[in-house]
Protein backbone atom coordinates (compact mmCIF):
# COMPACT_ATOMS: atom_id res chain seq x y z
CA MET A 1 10.79 7.13 35.31
CA THR A 2 8.15 4.31 34.74
CA ALA A 3 8.55 1.92 37.46
CA PRO A 4 9.59 -1.61 36.00
CA MET A 5 7.17 -4.68 35.50
CA PRO A 6 8.66 -7.47 38.08
CA ALA A 7 10.66 -9.60 36.25
CA HIS A 8 8.56 -12.52 37.32
CA ALA A 9 5.43 -11.19 35.90
CA ALA A 10 6.48 -11.95 32.03
CA GLY A 11 7.19 -15.38 32.83
CA GLN A 12 4.13 -16.26 34.72
CA ALA A 13 1.95 -14.93 32.23
CA GLY A 14 -0.24 -17.48 30.93
CA GLY A 15 -2.46 -17.58 27.68
CA GLY A 16 -4.80 -15.33 29.36
CA ALA A 17 -2.86 -12.44 29.64
CA ALA A 18 -4.19 -9.09 27.45
CA PRO A 19 -4.01 -7.60 25.03
CA GLY A 20 -0.60 -9.38 23.88
CA SER A 21 1.38 -7.76 21.13
CA LEU A 22 -0.65 -5.71 18.51
CA THR A 23 -0.52 -2.93 15.65
CA GLY A 24 -3.86 -3.12 14.28
CA TYR A 25 -7.27 -1.71 15.03
CA ALA A 26 -9.60 -2.04 17.81
CA PHE A 27 -13.11 -1.14 19.14
CA ASP A 28 -14.43 -0.62 22.22
CA THR A 29 -18.50 -0.18 23.18
CA CYS A 30 -20.24 0.29 26.45
CA ALA A 31 -21.50 -3.69 26.92
CA ALA A 32 -19.65 -6.53 26.16
CA PRO A 33 -21.61 -7.63 22.62
CA ALA A 34 -23.24 -11.24 22.85
CA GLN A 35 -21.34 -14.09 20.92
CA GLU A 36 -23.03 -13.83 17.81
CA VAL A 37 -21.79 -10.31 17.11
CA MET A 38 -18.52 -11.01 18.24
CA ASP A 39 -18.42 -14.03 15.29
CA ALA A 40 -19.60 -11.76 13.11
CA TRP A 41 -17.01 -8.87 13.90
CA ARG A 42 -14.45 -11.14 13.57
CA LEU A 43 -15.29 -12.44 10.04
CA THR A 44 -15.72 -9.59 8.71
CA SER A 45 -14.70 -6.47 10.61
CA PRO A 46 -11.13 -4.75 10.50
CA TYR A 47 -10.57 -5.19 14.16
CA SER A 48 -8.32 -7.41 16.05
CA GLY A 49 -9.12 -6.06 19.54
CA ILE A 50 -11.80 -4.93 21.94
CA GLY A 51 -12.01 -2.69 24.63
CA VAL A 52 -13.87 -4.25 27.48
CA TYR A 53 -14.92 -2.60 30.66
CA VAL A 54 -14.18 -4.88 33.28
CA GLY A 55 -15.49 -3.05 36.30
CA GLY A 56 -15.29 -0.10 38.73
CA SER A 57 -17.77 2.50 40.20
CA ASN A 58 -18.17 4.86 37.42
CA ARG A 59 -18.91 1.92 34.80
CA LEU A 60 -22.02 2.87 33.35
CA CYS A 61 -23.17 -0.26 31.63
CA GLU A 62 -24.62 -3.69 33.09
CA GLN A 63 -22.32 -6.68 31.18
CA PRO A 64 -24.67 -9.30 31.03
CA GLU A 65 -22.38 -10.51 28.50
CA LEU A 66 -19.26 -10.38 30.08
CA ASP A 67 -17.80 -13.49 32.32
CA ALA A 68 -14.90 -16.06 32.11
CA ASP A 69 -16.61 -17.98 29.23
CA TRP A 70 -16.68 -14.86 27.12
CA VAL A 71 -12.91 -13.96 27.65
CA SER A 72 -11.65 -17.32 26.77
CA THR A 73 -13.96 -17.92 24.14
CA GLN A 74 -12.70 -14.23 22.44
CA GLN A 75 -9.21 -15.01 23.13
CA ARG A 76 -9.31 -18.24 21.80
CA GLN A 77 -10.83 -17.02 18.50
CA GLY A 78 -7.74 -14.48 18.59
CA TRP A 79 -9.20 -11.27 20.09
CA HIS A 80 -7.03 -9.01 21.51
CA LEU A 81 -8.56 -7.96 24.87
CA LEU A 82 -7.72 -4.19 26.08
CA PRO A 83 -9.48 -4.78 29.80
CA LEU A 84 -10.69 -0.72 31.16
CA TRP A 85 -11.58 -0.19 34.91
CA VAL A 86 -13.63 3.01 35.45
CA GLY A 87 -13.82 3.86 39.19
CA PRO A 88 -13.15 7.42 40.86
CA GLN A 89 -12.85 10.37 38.70
CA ALA A 90 -10.73 13.22 39.20
CA SER A 91 -11.77 15.43 42.41
CA CYS A 92 -12.49 18.59 40.33
CA SER A 93 -14.68 16.88 38.21
CA ALA A 94 -18.80 16.15 38.46
CA TYR A 95 -18.51 12.36 38.76
CA ALA A 96 -20.54 10.66 41.14
CA GLU A 97 -17.66 9.17 43.31
CA VAL A 98 -14.35 11.21 42.97
CA MET A 99 -11.13 10.56 44.51
CA SER A 100 -9.55 12.59 47.05
CA SER A 101 -7.86 15.75 46.63
CA ASP A 102 -5.19 15.09 49.56
CA LEU A 103 -2.23 13.34 47.68
CA ALA A 104 -1.53 10.80 50.07
CA THR A 105 -4.91 9.26 50.16
CA ALA A 106 -5.45 9.75 46.23
CA GLU A 107 -2.41 7.50 46.19
CA GLN A 108 -3.91 4.82 48.56
CA GLN A 109 -7.01 5.19 46.50
CA GLY A 110 -5.37 4.65 43.43
CA ARG A 111 -3.84 1.32 44.90
CA ALA A 112 -7.37 0.24 46.06
CA GLU A 113 -9.07 0.50 42.28
CA ALA A 114 -5.79 -1.65 41.35
CA ALA A 115 -6.84 -4.61 43.36
CA ALA A 116 -9.86 -4.57 42.90
CA ALA A 117 -9.25 -4.50 39.11
CA VAL A 118 -6.68 -7.09 39.66
CA GLY A 119 -9.04 -9.41 41.32
CA THR A 120 -11.92 -8.94 38.79
CA ALA A 121 -9.34 -9.42 35.75
CA GLY A 122 -8.35 -12.85 37.58
CA ALA A 123 -11.84 -14.26 38.02
CA LEU A 124 -12.52 -13.47 34.32
CA GLY A 125 -9.36 -15.30 33.46
CA ILE A 126 -7.17 -12.13 32.63
CA GLY A 127 -3.77 -13.49 33.48
CA ARG A 128 -0.84 -11.33 35.21
CA GLY A 129 1.37 -9.87 32.54
CA GLY A 130 -1.67 -8.56 30.88
CA THR A 131 -2.55 -4.56 30.88
CA LEU A 132 -5.21 -2.87 32.52
CA TYR A 133 -6.60 0.43 31.55
CA TYR A 134 -7.49 2.95 33.91
CA ASP A 135 -10.26 5.47 32.45
CA LEU A 136 -10.17 8.49 33.76
CA GLU A 137 -12.26 11.04 32.18
CA ASP A 138 -11.77 14.46 30.70
CA TYR A 139 -11.29 16.81 33.56
CA ASP A 140 -9.45 20.57 34.35
CA ILE A 141 -5.69 20.01 34.46
CA GLY A 142 -5.38 23.76 35.82
CA PRO A 143 -5.74 23.11 39.61
CA ASP A 144 -2.68 22.04 41.04
CA ASP A 145 -4.54 19.95 43.51
CA CYS A 146 -6.62 18.30 40.99
CA ARG A 147 -3.68 17.63 38.38
CA GLN A 148 -1.37 16.56 41.49
CA ALA A 149 -3.88 14.14 43.42
CA ALA A 150 -4.83 12.72 39.95
CA LEU A 151 -1.03 12.12 39.25
CA SER A 152 -0.96 10.83 43.04
CA PHE A 153 -3.82 8.19 42.29
CA LEU A 154 -2.42 6.88 38.99
CA SER A 155 0.96 6.31 40.65
CA GLY A 156 -0.97 4.23 43.25
CA TRP A 157 -2.89 2.13 40.52
CA THR A 158 0.68 1.38 38.73
CA ARG A 159 2.75 0.47 41.91
CA ALA A 160 -0.20 -1.83 42.89
CA LEU A 161 -0.51 -3.40 39.64
CA HIS A 162 3.31 -4.09 39.25
CA ALA A 163 3.25 -5.34 42.67
CA SER A 164 0.86 -7.83 41.23
CA GLY A 165 2.31 -8.82 38.14
CA TYR A 166 0.22 -6.41 35.98
CA ARG A 167 1.35 -4.30 33.57
CA SER A 168 -0.41 -0.50 33.30
CA GLY A 169 -2.26 1.64 31.76
CA VAL A 170 -4.17 4.89 31.74
CA TYR A 171 -7.05 5.85 29.17
CA SER A 172 -8.04 9.22 28.95
CA SER A 173 -8.74 12.37 26.89
CA ILE A 174 -5.15 13.90 25.17
CA GLY A 175 -5.61 16.88 26.65
CA ALA A 176 -6.21 15.73 30.86
CA ALA A 177 -4.39 12.89 32.10
CA ILE A 178 -2.30 12.00 29.19
CA THR A 179 -1.13 15.48 28.95
CA SER A 180 -0.51 15.62 32.97
CA LEU A 181 1.11 12.45 32.97
CA ASP A 182 3.60 13.85 30.01
CA PHE A 183 4.45 16.83 31.45
CA ALA A 184 4.94 14.92 35.22
CA HIS A 185 7.36 12.91 33.03
CA ARG A 186 9.75 15.50 31.68
CA VAL A 187 9.54 17.77 34.39
CA SER A 188 9.21 16.15 37.51
CA ARG A 189 10.48 12.67 36.81
CA GLY A 190 10.75 10.22 39.25
CA SER A 191 8.18 12.01 41.23
CA TYR A 192 5.23 9.35 40.22
CA ALA A 193 5.09 5.86 38.68
CA MET A 194 4.43 6.33 35.04
CA PRO A 195 2.09 3.33 33.23
CA ASP A 196 3.48 1.33 30.90
CA ASP A 197 0.59 2.44 28.56
CA ILE A 198 -1.08 5.38 27.07
CA TRP A 199 -4.42 5.24 25.63
CA PHE A 200 -5.48 8.76 24.19
CA ALA A 201 -8.93 9.74 23.20
CA TRP A 202 -8.71 12.24 20.72
CA ALA A 203 -11.27 12.08 17.60
CA ASN A 204 -8.96 13.33 14.83
CA GLY A 205 -9.84 10.78 12.48
CA ARG A 206 -6.25 9.18 11.71
CA SER A 207 -5.64 5.65 12.87
CA ASP A 208 -2.28 6.07 14.13
CA VAL A 209 -0.28 7.12 17.14
CA ARG A 210 1.08 10.11 16.46
CA THR A 211 0.55 12.89 19.12
CA ASP A 212 0.89 16.43 19.12
CA GLN A 213 2.87 19.23 21.57
CA ARG A 214 0.52 18.16 24.26
CA VAL A 215 2.64 14.64 24.23
CA LEU A 216 6.68 15.59 24.21
CA SER A 217 8.65 12.83 25.97
CA SER A 218 9.30 9.62 24.36
CA GLU A 219 8.13 7.62 27.30
CA TRP A 220 5.51 5.33 25.43
CA ASP A 221 7.16 5.14 21.69
CA ASP A 222 7.95 1.62 22.20
CA HIS A 223 4.70 -0.25 20.92
CA ALA A 224 3.14 1.40 24.30
CA ARG A 225 0.17 3.55 23.13
CA VAL A 226 -3.48 3.04 21.78
CA HIS A 227 -5.42 5.82 19.78
CA GLN A 228 -9.03 6.52 20.20
CA TYR A 229 -9.60 8.13 17.05
CA ALA A 230 -13.60 8.13 16.18
CA ILE A 231 -15.69 8.25 19.15
CA ASP A 232 -19.60 7.23 18.82
CA VAL A 233 -19.43 6.15 15.28
CA VAL A 234 -21.95 3.40 14.26
CA GLN A 235 -20.53 0.65 11.91
CA ALA A 236 -22.08 -2.71 10.84
CA PHE A 237 -20.49 -5.62 10.02
CA GLY A 238 -22.27 -9.33 9.15
CA GLY A 239 -25.35 -7.66 9.73
CA TYR A 240 -24.89 -6.80 12.84
CA PRO A 241 -24.64 -2.21 13.88
CA MET A 242 -23.35 -1.28 16.63
CA SER A 243 -22.59 2.01 18.56
CA ILE A 244 -18.39 1.80 19.08
CA ASP A 245 -15.42 4.28 19.23
CA ALA A 246 -12.56 3.07 16.95
CA ASN A 247 -9.01 2.79 17.96
CA TRP A 248 -5.76 2.11 16.43
CA VAL A 249 -3.39 -0.11 18.66
CA ASP A 250 0.32 -0.36 18.55
CA VAL A 251 1.18 -2.08 22.25
CA GLY A 252 3.51 -5.20 23.64
CA ARG A 253 6.00 -5.87 20.62
CA GLY A 254 3.70 -4.72 18.03
CA SER A 255 3.28 -6.74 15.13
CA VAL A 256 6.54 -8.55 14.67
CA ALA A 257 8.04 -9.74 11.50
CA PRO A 258 8.81 -13.43 11.40
CA ARG A 259 12.05 -14.67 10.74
CA SER A 260 12.65 -15.15 6.94
CA ARG A 261 13.80 -18.12 5.94
CA PRO A 262 14.41 -18.60 2.32
CA LEU A 263 12.07 -21.48 0.75
CA CYS A 264 15.37 -23.32 -1.03
CA ARG A 265 19.20 -22.91 -0.19
CA GLY A 266 20.07 -20.09 -1.84
CA VAL A 267 16.89 -18.97 -3.59
CA ASP A 268 14.95 -15.58 -2.96
CA ALA A 269 11.17 -16.55 -3.73
CA ASP A 270 9.84 -13.08 -2.61
CA LEU A 271 10.25 -11.23 -6.13
CA ARG A 272 8.79 -7.83 -6.83
CA ARG A 273 7.16 -9.33 -10.04
CA TYR A 274 6.42 -13.12 -11.11
CA PRO A 275 6.39 -13.22 -14.90
CA THR A 276 4.97 -15.53 -17.59
CA LEU A 277 7.21 -18.48 -17.86
CA ARG A 278 7.71 -20.87 -20.65
CA THR A 279 10.27 -23.55 -22.01
CA GLY A 280 14.13 -21.62 -22.88
CA ARG A 281 13.65 -18.66 -19.73
CA SER A 282 16.18 -18.89 -17.37
CA GLY A 283 16.90 -16.72 -14.50
CA ASP A 284 15.87 -15.96 -10.33
CA ALA A 285 12.33 -15.89 -11.39
CA VAL A 286 13.03 -19.73 -13.20
CA ARG A 287 14.82 -20.65 -9.76
CA ALA A 288 12.19 -19.19 -7.61
CA ALA A 289 9.57 -21.62 -9.29
CA GLN A 290 11.52 -25.02 -9.36
CA CYS A 291 12.18 -23.93 -5.60
CA LEU A 292 8.33 -23.90 -5.22
CA LEU A 293 7.89 -26.88 -7.39
CA ARG A 294 10.09 -28.47 -5.13
CA ARG A 295 8.18 -27.49 -1.83
CA GLN A 296 5.00 -28.11 -3.25
CA HIS A 297 6.41 -32.19 -3.79
CA VAL A 298 5.80 -31.88 -7.71
CA THR A 299 9.13 -32.95 -8.49
CA ARG A 300 12.34 -33.47 -7.35
CA ALA A 301 14.15 -32.21 -9.95
CA PRO A 302 17.25 -29.70 -8.88
CA ILE A 303 17.19 -26.26 -9.26
CA THR A 304 18.84 -25.27 -12.32
CA GLY A 305 17.34 -21.72 -13.07
CA ARG A 306 16.73 -23.04 -16.75
CA TYR A 307 13.19 -23.77 -17.63
CA ASP A 308 13.60 -26.96 -19.87
CA ALA A 309 11.43 -30.03 -20.06
CA ARG A 310 11.48 -31.38 -16.52
CA THR A 311 10.22 -28.02 -14.80
CA ALA A 312 7.40 -27.66 -17.99
CA ALA A 313 6.46 -31.28 -16.47
CA ALA A 314 6.27 -30.29 -12.85
CA VAL A 315 4.35 -27.12 -14.00
CA ARG A 316 1.60 -29.40 -15.98
CA LYS A 317 1.48 -32.06 -13.16
CA ALA A 318 0.81 -29.00 -10.67
CA GLN A 319 -1.95 -27.54 -12.63
CA ARG A 320 -3.40 -30.27 -13.12
CA ARG A 321 -3.60 -30.72 -9.37
CA LEU A 322 -4.48 -26.78 -8.98
CA ASP A 323 -7.44 -27.62 -11.49
CA LEU A 324 -5.98 -24.98 -14.13
CA PRO A 325 -5.22 -25.24 -17.66
CA ASP A 326 -2.74 -27.67 -18.36
CA THR A 327 -0.45 -25.80 -20.64
CA GLY A 328 3.32 -26.17 -18.87
CA ARG A 329 3.66 -22.23 -18.99
CA LEU A 330 3.80 -21.01 -15.88
CA THR A 331 1.14 -18.42 -15.68
CA ARG A 332 -0.26 -15.65 -13.19
CA SER A 333 -2.58 -17.82 -11.80
CA THR A 334 -0.34 -20.96 -11.54
CA TRP A 335 2.21 -18.60 -9.82
CA THR A 336 -0.78 -17.37 -7.52
CA ALA A 337 -1.96 -20.89 -6.79
CA LEU A 338 1.55 -22.61 -6.01
CA LEU A 339 1.96 -19.17 -3.77
CA ALA A 340 -0.91 -19.77 -1.55
CA ARG A 341 -1.14 -23.02 -1.32
CA GLY A 342 -1.31 -24.14 2.36
CA SER A 343 -3.26 -23.54 5.53
CA HIS A 344 -6.08 -20.88 5.33
CA PRO A 345 -6.11 -18.92 8.51
CA LEU A 346 -8.59 -16.08 9.04
CA LEU A 347 -5.82 -13.05 8.51
CA LYS A 348 -6.45 -9.50 8.97
CA VAL A 349 -4.21 -6.19 10.11
CA GLY A 350 -2.02 -7.30 13.22
CA ASP A 351 -1.68 -10.58 12.18
CA THR A 352 1.79 -12.21 11.72
CA GLY A 353 3.39 -15.29 10.17
CA SER A 354 4.51 -17.62 7.74
CA ALA A 355 0.77 -17.67 6.10
CA VAL A 356 1.26 -14.01 5.70
CA LEU A 357 4.49 -14.76 3.94
CA ARG A 358 2.41 -16.89 1.77
CA LEU A 359 -0.53 -14.27 1.32
CA GLN A 360 1.92 -11.32 0.10
CA ARG A 361 3.64 -13.18 -2.45
CA ALA A 362 0.57 -14.33 -3.54
CA LEU A 363 -1.07 -11.15 -4.22
CA THR A 364 1.84 -9.66 -5.57
CA ALA A 365 1.19 -12.31 -8.42
CA ALA A 366 -2.23 -12.03 -8.65
CA LEU A 367 -2.04 -8.16 -9.08
CA GLY A 368 1.09 -7.98 -10.98
CA ARG A 369 2.43 -5.41 -8.82
CA PRO A 370 4.90 -5.67 -5.31
CA VAL A 371 3.16 -6.30 -2.62
CA ARG A 372 5.47 -5.96 0.42
CA ILE A 373 6.70 -9.30 1.62
CA ASP A 374 7.61 -9.04 5.30
CA GLY A 375 5.13 -11.23 6.80
CA VAL A 376 3.04 -8.65 8.78
CA VAL A 377 -0.41 -7.33 7.86
CA ASP A 378 -0.22 -4.07 7.92
CA LYS A 379 -2.56 -1.47 5.71
CA GLY A 380 -0.68 -1.79 2.70
CA THR A 381 -1.15 -5.81 2.84
CA ALA A 382 -4.98 -5.22 3.72
CA ARG A 383 -5.10 -2.19 0.53
CA ALA A 384 -3.81 -4.98 -1.58
CA VAL A 385 -6.28 -7.57 -0.01
CA LYS A 386 -9.29 -5.13 -0.87
CA ALA A 387 -7.84 -5.02 -4.44
CA PHE A 388 -7.67 -8.32 -4.67
CA GLN A 389 -11.37 -8.88 -3.02
CA ARG A 390 -12.78 -6.28 -5.75
CA LYS A 391 -11.16 -8.11 -8.66
CA THR A 392 -12.34 -11.52 -8.11
CA GLY A 393 -16.14 -10.26 -6.88
CA LEU A 394 -15.77 -10.48 -3.23
CA SER A 395 -16.78 -7.99 -0.62
CA ALA A 396 -14.08 -5.62 -0.46
CA THR A 397 -13.46 -5.69 3.44
CA GLY A 398 -9.58 -6.12 3.64
CA VAL A 399 -10.07 -9.15 6.02
CA VAL A 400 -8.33 -12.67 4.37
CA THR A 401 -11.35 -15.28 5.26
CA PRO A 402 -11.18 -19.07 3.33
CA GLU A 403 -12.86 -17.12 0.37
CA VAL A 404 -9.98 -15.10 -0.44
CA TRP A 405 -7.87 -18.05 0.04
CA ASP A 406 -10.20 -19.88 -2.10
CA ALA A 407 -10.10 -17.26 -4.65
CA LEU A 408 -6.47 -17.42 -4.60
CA THR A 409 -5.79 -21.17 -4.85
């Protein structure tokens, strides 16, 4: 059974804890990209997370960009960092530095690697409460001594991280360390400390965290998985191409919907359709419209559910503010602008909050079809964003930029 992270760890985790909670896309690449690349990909790519090779004796790339300033800048801009440590590999592998095949020695080596990783993470500003992932590349899990030594090593890694207030993660091929960990958890539960998260390489092209018969336990079902589903692909965003591995991340608490509160007491503004309204109409859609007009400080008239002269006058006032035709009819464009009006944050898959609720309502009105209104940008919301971008002549990225907000409002 997984050794729990010390109770004090979560309380002392600062803003530098990584990766935090995310259900969305991440990429990893050999060396940390330059800032102009990170800026361009933040604005134009679907990715919200990045795997960063912070250290270890088998790390392949130099990291001229990686320092505490780089880390703090990415976290400040909204990136979720997944720190990777690449130390000694399996005893039966062909790497330059391998772990011992002696179980006790391997366990101590795992503890030593965790101590080194904690020191490096702390120096980079990756705080306690964050998850550090050990990169254990593909190896033959058939030989007992090699498989068991790797499990002992990873057990030492996990125990030492927990003692230091960090969470433990393991990256490997789904058929190597991940299969071995799953089998050990099911068959000899308690013999080894299990990692908090697993990150499995399985290039099946599916952006999800579903596994097959190689991972049968439910140990990592509760927002504790990362799936590397595409390997060594070249993608370009904002004019900057990179060779990357693509991942689907579901860690932390996942993307948790905000507590939904009615915009006005007793009024449901989350409609499946926002119809055109004019004088004489009545019903729930009118009540939602009157609620929006009050929330936007266009009127103080009571919410009656009847589209009367005062409602029409308020709509005309709102239309003048929004630079829309002054008709007094609540058209699709008026609905959209009223629903979207507010702050204009950058949003992509995995983001949550009240701005997402505004976005989803506005997309429902703009597209004339239901978009799930739950406060979480999921793949469905991103598809709706792309549809709206195509409709308005914007580049169909699925990323909600200020240009998208401007088109909505």
